[in-house]
Amino acid sequence: MPRFVIKPFSILSFLLICLVAVQVFFMDRAFAQMPPEDVLPVSVPSTEKQQVAEINAAPAEPENKIQLTDQPAIEENNNKKAHEEEQNIMEDALALLDESEKHWKKGDLEGALDLLDQAYALIIETNDDPVVARQKDDLRLLISKRILAVYSSRQTVTVGKRSEVPLIMNADVEKEIRSFQSFERDFFISSYHRSGLYRPMMVRELKKAGLPEELSWLPLVESGFKISALSRARALGPWQFIPSTGYKYGLNRDEWIDERMDPEKSTRGAIGYLKDLHDMFGDWLTVLAAYNCGEGRVLRVISGQHLNYLDRFWDLYHILPYETARYVPRFLATLHIVKDPAKFGMDLGRPQEMKIPYEAVKSSKIMRLRDIAAALEIPEETLNALNPELRYRMTPDRDYPLKVPLETVEKFAKVADSIQASEKPRQVRMSTKSGYKRHKVKRGETAASIAHRYGISVNALMSYNGLSAKKEVRVGQRLKVPLRGTRYAKDTSGKAPPHDKGRSEQIGSYKVRKGDTLSSVAKRFNTVPSEIRRLNNIKGDALQAGRIIKVGGQGIVTDGETGPARQDGGRKAVKKTTIKTPEPGTPGAVYTVQSGDTLAKIARTNNVNLDKILELNKLDKTDNIRPGQLIVVK
């Protein structure tokens, strides 16, 4: 069983921060008038040295001021000895403080922090002597400021061993190595091959910024070095930025481009984010945890466990969300394998190489990359690889720096005007997991009832919102519910899409079952909720069980053939049909769960891969299903 161990330094540092906070509000006028101290990486402020001198020079309280008129002589001697012991303790603490300064100047930050930790431990307890208590308060504040100053200087040390990510091996890392050696072997090897296309550039940028080059392997864990990798949380690109974080670090996104897919720009954005996280946490492994789940989440975990931000990752490991806790060992496992593949029985081969010198040329009109490639007599894939941030393989309707192979720059200038301008991509409705609807939790609602309402699993709902499946929602909380979204057609010439010959819009009737929602019914029949509302004059999202409603869409199974696509005057011919429950294995089929069913059994019965069913229904293998629940099987 894993043990959670809080180091003495962690507890002492937490008490230290609490003390500083209390002193800000309650220190007396003398403290308030102390000159502020500059936090510098090596030089020690003169005011701090002055305080040290004052504490060293502080005389013991004259014996004639101690009221002993009503105390026996033995108590007087005991008090005197106790006072002397306290003075000796403070002298020892001051000696440690002075010694820490020497280590700090040498660049030994860990040694300096250890000495400061020892000094602080000596003066935690205070007796009833008010003079001694005041002197200890002074000294505690001094040590607190020194610790914060040392930590603030950590990010300036970016050369040598200290800049590297610690290559740790423990049981958790070994577990991830075994995963890469077995069922994730193909993923690891293919990701390693793709790394050669982008990693040399990433290493150059990391070195330029003074960051560890080991961080260049982070995209293997994040995206498998896939430029267009998209997560359920809408994180995109090799570094997996969500839109808001990408915007914060200079990655633009509009209807034409998404710079999260630009390897160079997203790498510079990731470097900015990693540097900010390192300034905040000071420990690379904690930085990686925050990169995965967000700095706010890590800070909440720390504050909830009464720890402070100075702690190391392994102090937090067993408190973090499972995905994040696994993320760091997974990254460390990657470093171990790429450092010595043979040791772990991995034949990685040679990574691919990007051997296309390029130059940016100005494009000022909408052009399809395939048309440009044809004019330049180069493969379209070359332009796609050089310009992955173009969302629809088309240049925008404005000035845009298009990357082309170096040897084609002059030719582009000659043929650019002759390349046919294209139309702006039309918006079309497509099935996607990227869209969502906001839902405000009402009194009496639970995560299960909300998930049921929208026809998704509890795990899908909670993970989409970054919440634990075991945690209950609260009244007034706003949730994002994943729904069908909207995307653009990648290839269009401005013409209307062709219709299937002989196919008409089909209208059928459907009896609403308990638990059905507009979204679930629309999804079942490959239509949209607004169309069902239109056909049935429905307002809102509620459906009454037992009601017969009209449905139209591509998922209807009919008794006969449809009529011609259009008749007199172009009016659509509509044939009314009755909905049948699709047979297992029918395209777009929906299966109604029976008593005793399991997901594995449903997969076998319908001759469908279990993972495919999980993907179609946004379920996990651990999710429970209930009789009457609708499962999309194909």
Foldseek 3Di string as FASTA:
>chain_A
DDDQDDDLLFVLLLVLVVLVVVCVPDPDPVVVPQDDFDQDQQDGDPSLVVLLVCLLPDDDDDLVVDDCPPPDPVVSVVVVVVSVVLSVLLVQLSVLQVVLSVCSNVVNLVSSSVSLSVSSVSLPDDDPPPVSVVSSSSSSVSSSSVNVSNLLNLLVPLDDPSQAADLDDDPLLVVLLVVCVPPVVVLLLQLQQLLQAQLVVLLVVCVVVSHHSLCSCLLCLVPSQDLADADLLRQGGSLRDHVVLCVVQPFDDDQWFTSSSVSNSVSSSVSVQLSVLCSQQVHNLVSQLCSVQHPVQVCVQQVVVSGDSPDYCSSSLVSHPPVSSSSSSNSSSSVVCVVPVVVSPRDNDHHDHDDFAKFWDKDAAKAALCLLCVQLVHDSVQQCSQGVRGPQNIDDNGIDGRIDGPVSPVSCVVCVVVRDGADDFDKDFDFDQRAWDKDAAAPPDWLCLVCLQQQAFSVLQQVSVVHDSPDIDDGGDIGIGGAGDIHTHSDDRPDDDDDDWQDAKEKEKDAAAPSDKLRVVCLLQVHHSVVQCVQAVDDDIDDDGGDIGMDIHDNFDFDDGAGGQADPPRDGDYDYGYGDQDDQQPVSHKDFDDPPDALVNSCVVSVHDSVVQCVVRVHDNPTDDDGRRITGRD
